[in-house]
Amino acid sequence: MTTTNDVLKSLADMKVNERGTIVEIQGGEAFSRRLEAIGMVPGKTILKTSAVSSRGPVTIEIDRACLALGYGMAERVLVRVNGSTR
């Protein structure tokens, strides 16, 4: 269910400490399988924990695990942002 407070954006565009739910992974089959292997599938809730400015890596928390993704990968993960932890 979408509310007026929910926003759809890429993982790369999320702010640090924003929480959201993965909606779509934009990429080929190999890319989707690679992210699936580390638990990143539509419906999963993630927390963006850090990012380096200027297209650097993005760090997220998913299922109590911390993962780092390259900026290009993070751009292709669409997330429904639904709040922050602070």
PDB file of N, CA and C in Angstrom:
ATOM      1  N   MET A   1       0.835  -1.183   0.000  1.00  0.00           N
ATOM      2  CA  MET A   1       0.000   0.000   0.000  1.00  0.00           C
ATOM      3  C   MET A   1       0.872   1.235   0.000  1.00  0.00           C
ATOM      4  N   THR A   2       0.647   2.134  -0.932  1.00  0.00           N
ATOM      5  CA  THR A   2       1.432   3.351  -1.038  1.00  0.00           C
ATOM      6  C   THR A   2       0.714   4.483  -0.327  1.00  0.00           C
ATOM      7  N   THR A   3       1.456   5.231   0.468  1.00  0.00           N
ATOM      8  CA  THR A   3       0.886   6.395   1.114  1.00  0.00           C
ATOM      9  C   THR A   3       1.530   7.625   0.522  1.00  0.00           C
ATOM     10  N   THR A   4       1.017   8.795   0.864  1.00  0.00           N
ATOM     11  CA  THR A   4       1.567  10.029   0.326  1.00  0.00           C
ATOM     12  C   THR A   4       2.965  10.300   0.846  1.00  0.00           C
ATOM     13  N   ASN A   5       3.389   9.633   1.902  1.00  0.00           N
ATOM     14  CA  ASN A   5       4.727   9.833   2.457  1.00  0.00           C
ATOM     15  C   ASN A   5       5.776   8.964   1.772  1.00  0.00           C
ATOM     16  N   ASP A   6       5.345   7.975   0.986  1.00  0.00           N
ATOM     17  CA  ASP A   6       6.285   7.081   0.320  1.00  0.00           C
ATOM     18  C   ASP A   6       6.808   7.732  -0.951  1.00  0.00           C
ATOM     19  N   VAL A   7       8.109   7.552  -1.208  1.00  0.00           N
ATOM     20  CA  VAL A   7       8.756   8.102  -2.383  1.00  0.00           C
ATOM     21  C   VAL A   7       9.544   6.994  -3.055  1.00  0.00           C
ATOM     22  N   LEU A   8       9.491   6.923  -4.383  1.00  0.00           N
ATOM     23  CA  LEU A   8      10.240   5.929  -5.134  1.00  0.00           C
ATOM     24  C   LEU A   8      11.499   6.587  -5.685  1.00  0.00           C
ATOM     25  N   LYS A   9      12.672   6.007  -5.358  1.00  0.00           N
ATOM     26  CA  LYS A   9      13.936   6.530  -5.866  1.00  0.00           C
ATOM     27  C   LYS A   9      14.962   5.417  -5.909  1.00  0.00           C
ATOM     28  N   SER A  10      16.087   5.692  -6.552  1.00  0.00           N
ATOM     29  CA  SER A  10      17.140   4.672  -6.617  1.00  0.00           C
ATOM     30  C   SER A  10      17.866   4.619  -5.280  1.00  0.00           C
ATOM     31  N   LEU A  11      18.497   3.497  -5.025  1.00  0.00           N
ATOM     32  CA  LEU A  11      19.290   3.336  -3.811  1.00  0.00           C
ATOM     33  C   LEU A  11      20.394   4.393  -3.755  1.00  0.00           C
ATOM     34  N   ALA A  12      20.966   4.727  -4.900  1.00  0.00           N
ATOM     35  CA  ALA A  12      22.011   5.748  -4.956  1.00  0.00           C
ATOM     36  C   ALA A  12      21.489   7.119  -4.532  1.00  0.00           C
ATOM     37  N   ASP A  13      20.206   7.399  -4.811  1.00  0.00           N
ATOM     38  CA  ASP A  13      19.618   8.700  -4.485  1.00  0.00           C
ATOM     39  C   ASP A  13      19.083   8.799  -3.060  1.00  0.00           C
ATOM     40  N   MET A  14      19.000   7.670  -2.356  1.00  0.00           N
ATOM     41  CA  MET A  14      18.516   7.709  -0.977  1.00  0.00           C
ATOM     42  C   MET A  14      19.501   8.468  -0.096  1.00  0.00           C
ATOM     43  N   LYS A  15      18.985   9.055   0.956  1.00  0.00           N
ATOM     44  CA  LYS A  15      19.841   9.715   1.937  1.00  0.00           C
ATOM     45  C   LYS A  15      20.312   8.699   2.968  1.00  0.00           C
ATOM     46  N   VAL A  16      21.421   9.004   3.612  1.00  0.00           N
ATOM     47  CA  VAL A  16      21.924   8.141   4.681  1.00  0.00           C
ATOM     48  C   VAL A  16      20.877   8.088   5.791  1.00  0.00           C
ATOM     49  N   ASN A  17      20.673   6.917   6.344  1.00  0.00           N
ATOM     50  CA  ASN A  17      19.699   6.605   7.391  1.00  0.00           C
ATOM     51  C   ASN A  17      18.258   6.560   6.901  1.00  0.00           C
ATOM     52  N   GLU A  18      18.040   6.580   5.587  1.00  0.00           N
ATOM     53  CA  GLU A  18      16.701   6.359   5.059  1.00  0.00           C
ATOM     54  C   GLU A  18      16.456   4.867   4.958  1.00  0.00           C
ATOM     55  N   ARG A  19      15.236   4.478   5.232  1.00  0.00           N
ATOM     56  CA  ARG A  19      14.825   3.079   5.169  1.00  0.00           C
ATOM     57  C   ARG A  19      13.802   2.949   4.045  1.00  0.00           C
ATOM     58  N   GLY A  20      13.835   1.826   3.357  1.00  0.00           N
ATOM     59  CA  GLY A  20      12.875   1.621   2.285  1.00  0.00           C
ATOM     60  C   GLY A  20      12.760   0.158   1.910  1.00  0.00           C
ATOM     61  N   THR A  21      11.868  -0.100   0.974  1.00  0.00           N
ATOM     62  CA  THR A  21      11.609  -1.447   0.494  1.00  0.00           C
ATOM     63  C   THR A  21      11.989  -1.529  -0.975  1.00  0.00           C
ATOM     64  N   ILE A  22      12.741  -2.546  -1.326  1.00  0.00           N
ATOM     65  CA  ILE A  22      13.140  -2.731  -2.718  1.00  0.00           C
ATOM     66  C   ILE A  22      11.891  -3.022  -3.543  1.00  0.00           C
ATOM     67  N   VAL A  23      11.729  -2.261  -4.634  1.00  0.00           N
ATOM     68  CA  VAL A  23      10.576  -2.413  -5.506  1.00  0.00           C
ATOM     69  C   VAL A  23      10.959  -3.104  -6.807  1.00  0.00           C
ATOM     70  N   GLU A  24      12.117  -2.727  -7.359  1.00  0.00           N
ATOM     71  CA  GLU A  24      12.513  -3.265  -8.660  1.00  0.00           C
ATOM     72  C   GLU A  24      14.027  -3.232  -8.797  1.00  0.00           C
ATOM     73  N   ILE A  25      14.543  -4.221  -9.484  1.00  0.00           N
ATOM     74  CA  ILE A  25      15.960  -4.244  -9.830  1.00  0.00           C
ATOM     75  C   ILE A  25      16.036  -4.134 -11.343  1.00  0.00           C
ATOM     76  N   GLN A  26      16.631  -3.035 -11.814  1.00  0.00           N
ATOM     77  CA  GLN A  26      16.712  -2.769 -13.244  1.00  0.00           C
ATOM     78  C   GLN A  26      18.041  -3.293 -13.768  1.00  0.00           C
ATOM     79  N   GLY A  27      17.981  -4.330 -14.534  1.00  0.00           N
ATOM     80  CA  GLY A  27      19.193  -4.909 -15.081  1.00  0.00           C
ATOM     81  C   GLY A  27      18.895  -6.262 -15.683  1.00  0.00           C
ATOM     82  N   GLY A  28      19.889  -6.840 -16.242  1.00  0.00           N
ATOM     83  CA  GLY A  28      19.736  -8.141 -16.872  1.00  0.00           C
ATOM     84  C   GLY A  28      19.605  -9.267 -15.862  1.00  0.00           C
ATOM     85  N   GLU A  29      19.450 -10.449 -16.400  1.00  0.00           N
ATOM     86  CA  GLU A  29      19.260 -11.628 -15.561  1.00  0.00           C
ATOM     87  C   GLU A  29      20.466 -11.882 -14.654  1.00  0.00           C
ATOM     88  N   ALA A  30      21.676 -11.733 -15.191  1.00  0.00           N
ATOM     89  CA  ALA A  30      22.885 -11.978 -14.388  1.00  0.00           C
ATOM     90  C   ALA A  30      22.983 -10.979 -13.230  1.00  0.00           C
ATOM     91  N   PHE A  31      22.681  -9.722 -13.503  1.00  0.00           N
ATOM     92  CA  PHE A  31      22.717  -8.699 -12.454  1.00  0.00           C
ATOM     93  C   PHE A  31      21.685  -9.013 -11.374  1.00  0.00           C
ATOM     94  N   SER A  32      20.472  -9.348 -11.783  1.00  0.00           N
ATOM     95  CA  SER A  32      19.411  -9.669 -10.821  1.00  0.00           C
ATOM     96  C   SER A  32      19.774 -10.878  -9.975  1.00  0.00           C
ATOM     97  N   ARG A  33      20.351 -11.906 -10.600  1.00  0.00           N
ATOM     98  CA  ARG A  33      20.766 -13.105  -9.847  1.00  0.00           C
ATOM     99  C   ARG A  33      21.871 -12.778  -8.861  1.00  0.00           C
ATOM    100  N   ARG A  34      22.781 -11.909  -9.254  1.00  0.00           N
ATOM    101  CA  ARG A  34      23.889 -11.528  -8.367  1.00  0.00           C
ATOM    102  C   ARG A  34      23.351 -10.849  -7.105  1.00  0.00           C
ATOM    103  N   LEU A  35      22.408  -9.931  -7.287  1.00  0.00           N
ATOM    104  CA  LEU A  35      21.831  -9.255  -6.117  1.00  0.00           C
ATOM    105  C   LEU A  35      20.956 -10.207  -5.302  1.00  0.00           C
ATOM    106  N   GLU A  36      20.256 -11.097  -5.975  1.00  0.00           N
ATOM    107  CA  GLU A  36      19.434 -12.086  -5.268  1.00  0.00           C
ATOM    108  C   GLU A  36      20.308 -12.963  -4.369  1.00  0.00           C
ATOM    109  N   ALA A  37      21.496 -13.292  -4.843  1.00  0.00           N
ATOM    110  CA  ALA A  37      22.412 -14.147  -4.071  1.00  0.00           C
ATOM    111  C   ALA A  37      22.846 -13.498  -2.755  1.00  0.00           C
ATOM    112  N   ILE A  38      22.806 -12.176  -2.693  1.00  0.00           N
ATOM    113  CA  ILE A  38      23.172 -11.495  -1.440  1.00  0.00           C
ATOM    114  C   ILE A  38      21.945 -10.992  -0.684  1.00  0.00           C
ATOM    115  N   GLY A  39      20.759 -11.460  -1.095  1.00  0.00           N
ATOM    116  CA  GLY A  39      19.542 -11.156  -0.360  1.00  0.00           C
ATOM    117  C   GLY A  39      18.799  -9.914  -0.805  1.00  0.00           C
ATOM    118  N   MET A  40      19.217  -9.293  -1.899  1.00  0.00           N
ATOM    119  CA  MET A  40      18.540  -8.086  -2.370  1.00  0.00           C
ATOM    120  C   MET A  40      17.502  -8.462  -3.415  1.00  0.00           C
ATOM    121  N   VAL A  41      16.269  -8.598  -2.950  1.00  0.00           N
ATOM    122  CA  VAL A  41      15.154  -8.958  -3.827  1.00  0.00           C
ATOM    123  C   VAL A  41      13.990  -8.014  -3.543  1.00  0.00           C
ATOM    124  N   PRO A  42      13.104  -7.810  -4.531  1.00  0.00           N
ATOM    125  CA  PRO A  42      11.932  -6.970  -4.278  1.00  0.00           C
ATOM    126  C   PRO A  42      11.164  -7.438  -3.043  1.00  0.00           C
ATOM    127  N   GLY A  43      10.744  -6.478  -2.252  1.00  0.00           N
ATOM    128  CA  GLY A  43      10.013  -6.767  -1.017  1.00  0.00           C
ATOM    129  C   GLY A  43      10.875  -6.684   0.234  1.00  0.00           C
ATOM    130  N   LYS A  44      12.199  -6.748   0.080  1.00  0.00           N
ATOM    131  CA  LYS A  44      13.101  -6.672   1.237  1.00  0.00           C
ATOM    132  C   LYS A  44      13.242  -5.231   1.708  1.00  0.00           C
ATOM    133  N   THR A  45      13.298  -5.043   3.018  1.00  0.00           N
ATOM    134  CA  THR A  45      13.523  -3.732   3.604  1.00  0.00           C
ATOM    135  C   THR A  45      15.014  -3.520   3.783  1.00  0.00           C
ATOM    136  N   ILE A  46      15.484  -2.323   3.408  1.00  0.00           N
ATOM    137  CA  ILE A  46      16.899  -1.990   3.536  1.00  0.00           C
ATOM    138  C   ILE A  46      17.053  -0.656   4.246  1.00  0.00           C
ATOM    139  N   LEU A  47      18.238  -0.442   4.773  1.00  0.00           N
ATOM    140  CA  LEU A  47      18.606   0.818   5.413  1.00  0.00           C
ATOM    141  C   LEU A  47      19.911   1.272   4.789  1.00  0.00           C
ATOM    142  N   LYS A  48      19.936   2.485   4.255  1.00  0.00           N
ATOM    143  CA  LYS A  48      21.180   3.018   3.702  1.00  0.00           C
ATOM    144  C   LYS A  48      21.993   3.578   4.864  1.00  0.00           C
ATOM    145  N   THR A  49      23.155   3.008   5.105  1.00  0.00           N
ATOM    146  CA  THR A  49      23.936   3.388   6.284  1.00  0.00           C
ATOM    147  C   THR A  49      25.043   4.378   5.993  1.00  0.00           C
ATOM    148  N   SER A  50      25.543   4.409   4.749  1.00  0.00           N
ATOM    149  CA  SER A  50      26.561   5.405   4.408  1.00  0.00           C
ATOM    150  C   SER A  50      26.716   5.482   2.902  1.00  0.00           C
ATOM    151  N   ALA A  51      27.370   6.562   2.485  1.00  0.00           N
ATOM    152  CA  ALA A  51      27.668   6.758   1.067  1.00  0.00           C
ATOM    153  C   ALA A  51      28.846   7.711   0.962  1.00  0.00           C
ATOM    154  N   VAL A  52      29.650   7.505  -0.051  1.00  0.00           N
ATOM    155  CA  VAL A  52      30.762   8.400  -0.333  1.00  0.00           C
ATOM    156  C   VAL A  52      30.285   9.365  -1.405  1.00  0.00           C
ATOM    157  N   SER A  53      30.563  10.648  -1.237  1.00  0.00           N
ATOM    158  CA  SER A  53      30.117  11.613  -2.238  1.00  0.00           C
ATOM    159  C   SER A  53      30.805  11.367  -3.573  1.00  0.00           C
ATOM    160  N   SER A  54      30.257  11.907  -4.605  1.00  0.00           N
ATOM    161  CA  SER A  54      30.801  11.799  -5.964  1.00  0.00           C
ATOM    162  C   SER A  54      30.848  10.369  -6.480  1.00  0.00           C
ATOM    163  N   ARG A  55      29.706   9.711  -6.462  1.00  0.00           N
ATOM    164  CA  ARG A  55      29.558   8.409  -7.108  1.00  0.00           C
ATOM    165  C   ARG A  55      30.421   7.307  -6.498  1.00  0.00           C
ATOM    166  N   GLY A  56      30.632   7.369  -5.216  1.00  0.00           N
ATOM    167  CA  GLY A  56      31.388   6.323  -4.529  1.00  0.00           C
ATOM    168  C   GLY A  56      30.482   5.205  -4.074  1.00  0.00           C
ATOM    169  N   PRO A  57      31.036   4.210  -3.369  1.00  0.00           N
ATOM    170  CA  PRO A  57      30.237   3.076  -2.911  1.00  0.00           C
ATOM    171  C   PRO A  57      29.146   3.471  -1.918  1.00  0.00           C
ATOM    172  N   VAL A  58      28.111   2.637  -1.890  1.00  0.00           N
ATOM    173  CA  VAL A  58      26.962   2.822  -1.005  1.00  0.00           C
ATOM    174  C   VAL A  58      26.932   1.634  -0.058  1.00  0.00           C
ATOM    175  N   THR A  59      26.748   1.887   1.236  1.00  0.00           N
ATOM    176  CA  THR A  59      26.663   0.819   2.227  1.00  0.00           C
ATOM    177  C   THR A  59      25.228   0.726   2.728  1.00  0.00           C
ATOM    178  N   ILE A  60      24.722  -0.510   2.783  1.00  0.00           N
ATOM    179  CA  ILE A  60      23.356  -0.731   3.252  1.00  0.00           C
ATOM    180  C   ILE A  60      23.340  -1.826   4.304  1.00  0.00           C
ATOM    181  N   GLU A  61      22.240  -1.861   5.036  1.00  0.00           N
ATOM    182  CA  GLU A  61      21.974  -2.956   5.966  1.00  0.00           C
ATOM    183  C   GLU A  61      20.727  -3.663   5.475  1.00  0.00           C
ATOM    184  N   ILE A  62      20.828  -4.994   5.334  1.00  0.00           N
ATOM    185  CA  ILE A  62      19.699  -5.817   4.906  1.00  0.00           C
ATOM    186  C   ILE A  62      19.769  -7.121   5.694  1.00  0.00           C
ATOM    187  N   ASP A  63      18.683  -7.487   6.330  1.00  0.00           N
ATOM    188  CA  ASP A  63      18.645  -8.702   7.159  1.00  0.00           C
ATOM    189  C   ASP A  63      19.798  -8.742   8.170  1.00  0.00           C
ATOM    190  N   ARG A  64      20.063  -7.655   8.818  1.00  0.00           N
ATOM    191  CA  ARG A  64      21.115  -7.517   9.848  1.00  0.00           C
ATOM    192  C   ARG A  64      22.521  -7.731   9.310  1.00  0.00           C
ATOM    193  N   ALA A  65      22.687  -7.703   7.983  1.00  0.00           N
ATOM    194  CA  ALA A  65      24.013  -7.807   7.364  1.00  0.00           C
ATOM    195  C   ALA A  65      24.342  -6.475   6.700  1.00  0.00           C
ATOM    196  N   CYS A  66      25.603  -6.080   6.736  1.00  0.00           N
ATOM    197  CA  CYS A  66      26.052  -4.858   6.075  1.00  0.00           C
ATOM    198  C   CYS A  66      26.685  -5.220   4.738  1.00  0.00           C
ATOM    199  N   LEU A  67      26.272  -4.524   3.696  1.00  0.00           N
ATOM    200  CA  LEU A  67      26.770  -4.777   2.350  1.00  0.00           C
ATOM    201  C   LEU A  67      27.190  -3.473   1.701  1.00  0.00           C
ATOM    202  N   ALA A  68      28.194  -3.518   0.847  1.00  0.00           N
ATOM    203  CA  ALA A  68      28.620  -2.356   0.072  1.00  0.00           C
ATOM    204  C   ALA A  68      28.374  -2.648  -1.402  1.00  0.00           C
ATOM    205  N   LEU A  69      27.798  -1.655  -2.092  1.00  0.00           N
ATOM    206  CA  LEU A  69      27.538  -1.769  -3.525  1.00  0.00           C
ATOM    207  C   LEU A  69      28.193  -0.603  -4.233  1.00  0.00           C
ATOM    208  N   GLY A  70      28.647  -0.833  -5.441  1.00  0.00           N
ATOM    209  CA  GLY A  70      29.145   0.262  -6.253  1.00  0.00           C
ATOM    210  C   GLY A  70      28.014   1.193  -6.636  1.00  0.00           C
ATOM    211  N   TYR A  71      28.358   2.424  -6.948  1.00  0.00           N
ATOM    212  CA  TYR A  71      27.357   3.431  -7.281  1.00  0.00           C
ATOM    213  C   TYR A  71      26.502   3.000  -8.472  1.00  0.00           C
ATOM    214  N   GLY A  72      27.130   2.436  -9.499  1.00  0.00           N
ATOM    215  CA  GLY A  72      26.392   2.005 -10.683  1.00  0.00           C
ATOM    216  C   GLY A  72      25.355   0.942 -10.368  1.00  0.00           C
ATOM    217  N   MET A  73      25.696   0.028  -9.475  1.00  0.00           N
ATOM    218  CA  MET A  73      24.738  -0.998  -9.062  1.00  0.00           C
ATOM    219  C   MET A  73      23.606  -0.356  -8.268  1.00  0.00           C
ATOM    220  N   ALA A  74      23.958   0.555  -7.370  1.00  0.00           N
ATOM    221  CA  ALA A  74      22.955   1.212  -6.524  1.00  0.00           C
ATOM    222  C   ALA A  74      21.968   2.030  -7.349  1.00  0.00           C
ATOM    223  N   GLU A  75      22.410   2.570  -8.477  1.00  0.00           N
ATOM    224  CA  GLU A  75      21.513   3.342  -9.345  1.00  0.00           C
ATOM    225  C   GLU A  75      20.414   2.478  -9.958  1.00  0.00           C
ATOM    226  N   ARG A  76      20.659   1.195 -10.070  1.00  0.00           N
ATOM    227  CA  ARG A  76      19.708   0.304 -10.737  1.00  0.00           C
ATOM    228  C   ARG A  76      18.780  -0.432  -9.776  1.00  0.00           C
ATOM    229  N   VAL A  77      18.822  -0.079  -8.495  1.00  0.00           N
ATOM    230  CA  VAL A  77      17.917  -0.667  -7.503  1.00  0.00           C
ATOM    231  C   VAL A  77      16.904   0.404  -7.100  1.00  0.00           C
ATOM    232  N   LEU A  78      15.631   0.189  -7.447  1.00  0.00           N
ATOM    233  CA  LEU A  78      14.579   1.144  -7.087  1.00  0.00           C
ATOM    234  C   LEU A  78      13.972   0.767  -5.745  1.00  0.00           C
ATOM    235  N   VAL A  79      13.833   1.780  -4.903  1.00  0.00           N
ATOM    236  CA  VAL A  79      13.381   1.588  -3.526  1.00  0.00           C
ATOM    237  C   VAL A  79      12.221   2.514  -3.222  1.00  0.00           C
ATOM    238  N   ARG A  80      11.211   1.995  -2.531  1.00  0.00           N
ATOM    239  CA  ARG A  80      10.134   2.842  -2.018  1.00  0.00           C
ATOM    240  C   ARG A  80      10.569   3.295  -0.632  1.00  0.00           C
ATOM    241  N   VAL A  81      10.953   4.559  -0.532  1.00  0.00           N
ATOM    242  CA  VAL A  81      11.466   5.114   0.722  1.00  0.00           C
ATOM    243  C   VAL A  81      10.295   5.394   1.640  1.00  0.00           C
ATOM    244  N   ASN A  82      10.405   4.904   2.873  1.00  0.00           N
ATOM    245  CA  ASN A  82       9.289   5.081   3.803  1.00  0.00           C
ATOM    246  C   ASN A  82       9.722   5.584   5.162  1.00  0.00           C
ATOM    247  N   GLY A  83      10.816   6.308   5.227  1.00  0.00           N
ATOM    248  CA  GLY A  83      11.191   6.917   6.491  1.00  0.00           C
ATOM    249  C   GLY A  83      12.643   6.755   6.823  1.00  0.00           C
ATOM    250  N   SER A  84      12.986   7.247   8.015  1.00  0.00           N
ATOM    251  CA  SER A  84      14.366   7.161   8.475  1.00  0.00           C
ATOM    252  C   SER A  84      14.380   6.578   9.865  1.00  0.00           C
ATOM    253  N   THR A  85      15.582   6.277  10.337  1.00  0.00           N
ATOM    254  CA  THR A  85      15.714   5.712  11.671  1.00  0.00           C
ATOM    255  C   THR A  85      15.896   6.802  12.710  1.00  0.00           C
ATOM    256  N   ARG A  86      16.049   8.017  12.285  1.00  0.00           N
ATOM    257  CA  ARG A  86      16.286   9.120  13.227  1.00  0.00           C
ATOM    258  C   ARG A  86      15.131  10.065  13.238  1.00  0.00           C
TER     259      ARG A  86
END
